[in-house]
Structures are given as structure tokens and as C-alpha cells.
Amino acid sequence: MILPSVRIIEPSDLLEFDISPNPAIATLTLSISENDLLRVDSYEVIDQRGQCVYYSKSLDQRTIHVAKLLPGMYNLVLKGDEKVKGVRRFVKMQ
């Protein structure tokens, strides 16, 4: 039996960032250094079922609009070079 290879994410590959407010109603604001922001080329919002409910190739103003999401828990996934660079969980309120 051959098992698929698994890539281990090194701590140096991950970004330091926070999101606020959490819980959110309309927008999330990303607190991230300018250098780390340059390493982000896209982001996804993933619902509790693991489905991508929003995807964007730009993170221009460190603001993510979540008003159209249904209330619930989500993961914000930052990506760079097609690899996960950071994940934060947030709650969307009505």
C-alpha cells in the first residue's frame, strides 16, 4: 500500500495576522505586517462543511466584506504561491 505524500507546513512559512471584529457583521479587518501582506496573493472563506464560499485574488485594503455570508463559523485562509500561509476562524453574525 502506497500512501500519498503529505507536505508539512513549516512555522516560518506561516504569516502572523489577526482579524477583527470577531464576531463580524459586515466586514473583517486584517491586521498584518506590510511584508507579510506582500506574501499573500489570494484568500478564501471556507464554511463549516469545508466548502469555499468566497475567493478573491486580491487583498487590497486589508478589508474583507462578509455581509452576504450566512450567520455561522468560517475559516479565512490566506494563500501565497498556491500554498496556505495562514488560517483564522471567525464568526459571522446577522
C-alpha atoms as a PDB file:
ATOM      1  CA  MET A   1       0.000   0.000   0.000  1.00  0.00           C
ATOM      2  CA  ILE A   2       1.398   3.383  -1.017  1.00  0.00           C
ATOM      3  CA  LEU A   3       0.295   6.388   0.994  1.00  0.00           C
ATOM      4  CA  PRO A   4       0.141   9.846  -0.561  1.00  0.00           C
ATOM      5  CA  SER A   5       2.840  12.264   0.465  1.00  0.00           C
ATOM      6  CA  VAL A   6       1.967  14.960   2.957  1.00  0.00           C
ATOM      7  CA  ARG A   7       3.624  18.360   2.938  1.00  0.00           C
ATOM      8  CA  ILE A   8       4.399  19.675   6.378  1.00  0.00           C
ATOM      9  CA  ILE A   9       3.949  23.410   6.776  1.00  0.00           C
ATOM     10  CA  GLU A  10       6.998  24.891   8.437  1.00  0.00           C
ATOM     11  CA  PRO A  11       6.316  27.598  11.042  1.00  0.00           C
ATOM     12  CA  SER A  12       8.470  30.008   9.010  1.00  0.00           C
ATOM     13  CA  ASP A  13       6.007  29.619   6.103  1.00  0.00           C
ATOM     14  CA  LEU A  14       3.068  30.878   8.176  1.00  0.00           C
ATOM     15  CA  LEU A  15       2.040  34.507   8.482  1.00  0.00           C
ATOM     16  CA  GLU A  16       1.362  36.395  11.693  1.00  0.00           C
ATOM     17  CA  PHE A  17      -2.002  38.131  11.427  1.00  0.00           C
ATOM     18  CA  ASP A  18      -5.245  38.801  13.268  1.00  0.00           C
ATOM     19  CA  ILE A  19      -8.777  39.595  12.162  1.00  0.00           C
ATOM     20  CA  SER A  20     -11.290  41.868  13.835  1.00  0.00           C
ATOM     21  CA  PRO A  21     -14.005  42.301  14.826  1.00  0.00           C
ATOM     22  CA  ASN A  22     -14.777  38.720  15.665  1.00  0.00           C
ATOM     23  CA  PRO A  23     -17.712  38.063  15.571  1.00  0.00           C
ATOM     24  CA  ALA A  24     -18.287  40.170  12.453  1.00  0.00           C
ATOM     25  CA  ILE A  25     -21.426  41.575  10.848  1.00  0.00           C
ATOM     26  CA  ALA A  26     -20.332  43.325   7.645  1.00  0.00           C
ATOM     27  CA  THR A  27     -16.533  43.477   7.357  1.00  0.00           C
ATOM     28  CA  LEU A  28     -13.373  41.924   8.732  1.00  0.00           C
ATOM     29  CA  THR A  29     -10.196  43.949   9.070  1.00  0.00           C
ATOM     30  CA  LEU A  30      -6.875  42.202   8.698  1.00  0.00           C
ATOM     31  CA  SER A  31      -4.008  43.209  10.996  1.00  0.00           C
ATOM     32  CA  ILE A  32      -0.882  42.080   9.161  1.00  0.00           C
ATOM     33  CA  SER A  33       2.571  43.498   8.516  1.00  0.00           C
ATOM     34  CA  GLU A  34       3.335  45.015   5.130  1.00  0.00           C
ATOM     35  CA  ASN A  35       5.982  42.336   4.448  1.00  0.00           C
ATOM     36  CA  ASP A  36       3.570  39.500   5.228  1.00  0.00           C
ATOM     37  CA  LEU A  37       0.838  41.152   3.157  1.00  0.00           C
ATOM     38  CA  LEU A  38       3.164  41.037   0.149  1.00  0.00           C
ATOM     39  CA  ARG A  39       3.318  37.236   0.530  1.00  0.00           C
ATOM     40  CA  VAL A  40      -0.486  36.925   0.129  1.00  0.00           C
ATOM     41  CA  ASP A  41      -1.810  36.589  -3.407  1.00  0.00           C
ATOM     42  CA  SER A  42      -5.313  35.264  -2.678  1.00  0.00           C
ATOM     43  CA  TYR A  43      -7.705  34.351   0.088  1.00  0.00           C
ATOM     44  CA  GLU A  44     -10.665  32.044   0.614  1.00  0.00           C
ATOM     45  CA  VAL A  45     -13.544  31.952   3.068  1.00  0.00           C
ATOM     46  CA  ILE A  46     -14.376  28.337   3.941  1.00  0.00           C
ATOM     47  CA  ASP A  47     -17.643  27.318   5.625  1.00  0.00           C
ATOM     48  CA  GLN A  48     -18.156  24.601   8.256  1.00  0.00           C
ATOM     49  CA  ARG A  49     -18.698  21.986   5.561  1.00  0.00           C
ATOM     50  CA  GLY A  50     -15.291  22.726   4.076  1.00  0.00           C
ATOM     51  CA  GLN A  51     -16.686  24.460   1.004  1.00  0.00           C
ATOM     52  CA  CYS A  52     -15.199  27.628  -0.372  1.00  0.00           C
ATOM     53  CA  VAL A  53     -17.952  30.255  -0.207  1.00  0.00           C
ATOM     54  CA  TYR A  54     -15.790  33.182  -1.323  1.00  0.00           C
ATOM     55  CA  TYR A  55     -12.492  33.513  -3.191  1.00  0.00           C
ATOM     56  CA  SER A  56     -10.506  36.576  -4.167  1.00  0.00           C
ATOM     57  CA  LYS A  57      -7.163  37.138  -5.843  1.00  0.00           C
ATOM     58  CA  SER A  58      -6.679  40.496  -4.183  1.00  0.00           C
ATOM     59  CA  LEU A  59      -6.395  41.778  -0.658  1.00  0.00           C
ATOM     60  CA  ASP A  60      -6.101  45.455  -1.474  1.00  0.00           C
ATOM     61  CA  GLN A  61      -7.183  47.324   1.609  1.00  0.00           C
ATOM     62  CA  ARG A  62      -6.973  44.677   4.342  1.00  0.00           C
ATOM     63  CA  THR A  63     -10.765  44.657   4.483  1.00  0.00           C
ATOM     64  CA  ILE A  64     -12.884  41.598   3.724  1.00  0.00           C
ATOM     65  CA  HIS A  65     -16.603  42.069   3.160  1.00  0.00           C
ATOM     66  CA  VAL A  66     -18.652  39.328   4.850  1.00  0.00           C
ATOM     67  CA  ALA A  67     -22.128  40.925   4.920  1.00  0.00           C
ATOM     68  CA  LYS A  68     -23.525  38.496   2.317  1.00  0.00           C
ATOM     69  CA  LEU A  69     -22.436  35.386   4.240  1.00  0.00           C
ATOM     70  CA  LEU A  70     -24.993  33.447   6.239  1.00  0.00           C
ATOM     71  CA  PRO A  71     -24.520  33.526  10.019  1.00  0.00           C
ATOM     72  CA  GLY A  72     -22.121  30.816  11.207  1.00  0.00           C
ATOM     73  CA  MET A  73     -18.476  29.878  11.659  1.00  0.00           C
ATOM     74  CA  TYR A  74     -15.950  30.278   8.852  1.00  0.00           C
ATOM     75  CA  ASN A  75     -12.227  29.984   8.223  1.00  0.00           C
ATOM     76  CA  LEU A  76     -10.300  32.723   6.464  1.00  0.00           C
ATOM     77  CA  VAL A  77      -7.452  31.120   4.523  1.00  0.00           C
ATOM     78  CA  LEU A  78      -4.622  33.296   3.223  1.00  0.00           C
ATOM     79  CA  LYS A  79      -2.609  31.836   0.346  1.00  0.00           C
ATOM     80  CA  GLY A  80       0.628  32.692  -1.390  1.00  0.00           C
ATOM     81  CA  ASP A  81       2.313  30.810  -4.216  1.00  0.00           C
ATOM     82  CA  GLU A  82      -0.688  28.420  -4.167  1.00  0.00           C
ATOM     83  CA  LYS A  83       0.147  27.373  -0.591  1.00  0.00           C
ATOM     84  CA  VAL A  84      -1.683  28.043   2.664  1.00  0.00           C
ATOM     85  CA  LYS A  85       0.077  30.840   4.525  1.00  0.00           C
ATOM     86  CA  GLY A  86      -2.359  31.287   7.414  1.00  0.00           C
ATOM     87  CA  VAL A  87      -5.793  30.426   8.728  1.00  0.00           C
ATOM     88  CA  ARG A  88      -8.045  32.222  11.194  1.00  0.00           C
ATOM     89  CA  ARG A  89     -11.539  31.242  12.304  1.00  0.00           C
ATOM     90  CA  PHE A  90     -14.272  33.845  12.586  1.00  0.00           C
ATOM     91  CA  VAL A  91     -17.965  34.016  13.380  1.00  0.00           C
ATOM     92  CA  LYS A  92     -20.418  35.805  11.087  1.00  0.00           C
ATOM     93  CA  MET A  93     -23.356  37.345  12.950  1.00  0.00           C
ATOM     94  CA  GLN A  94     -26.629  38.597  11.461  1.00  0.00           C
END
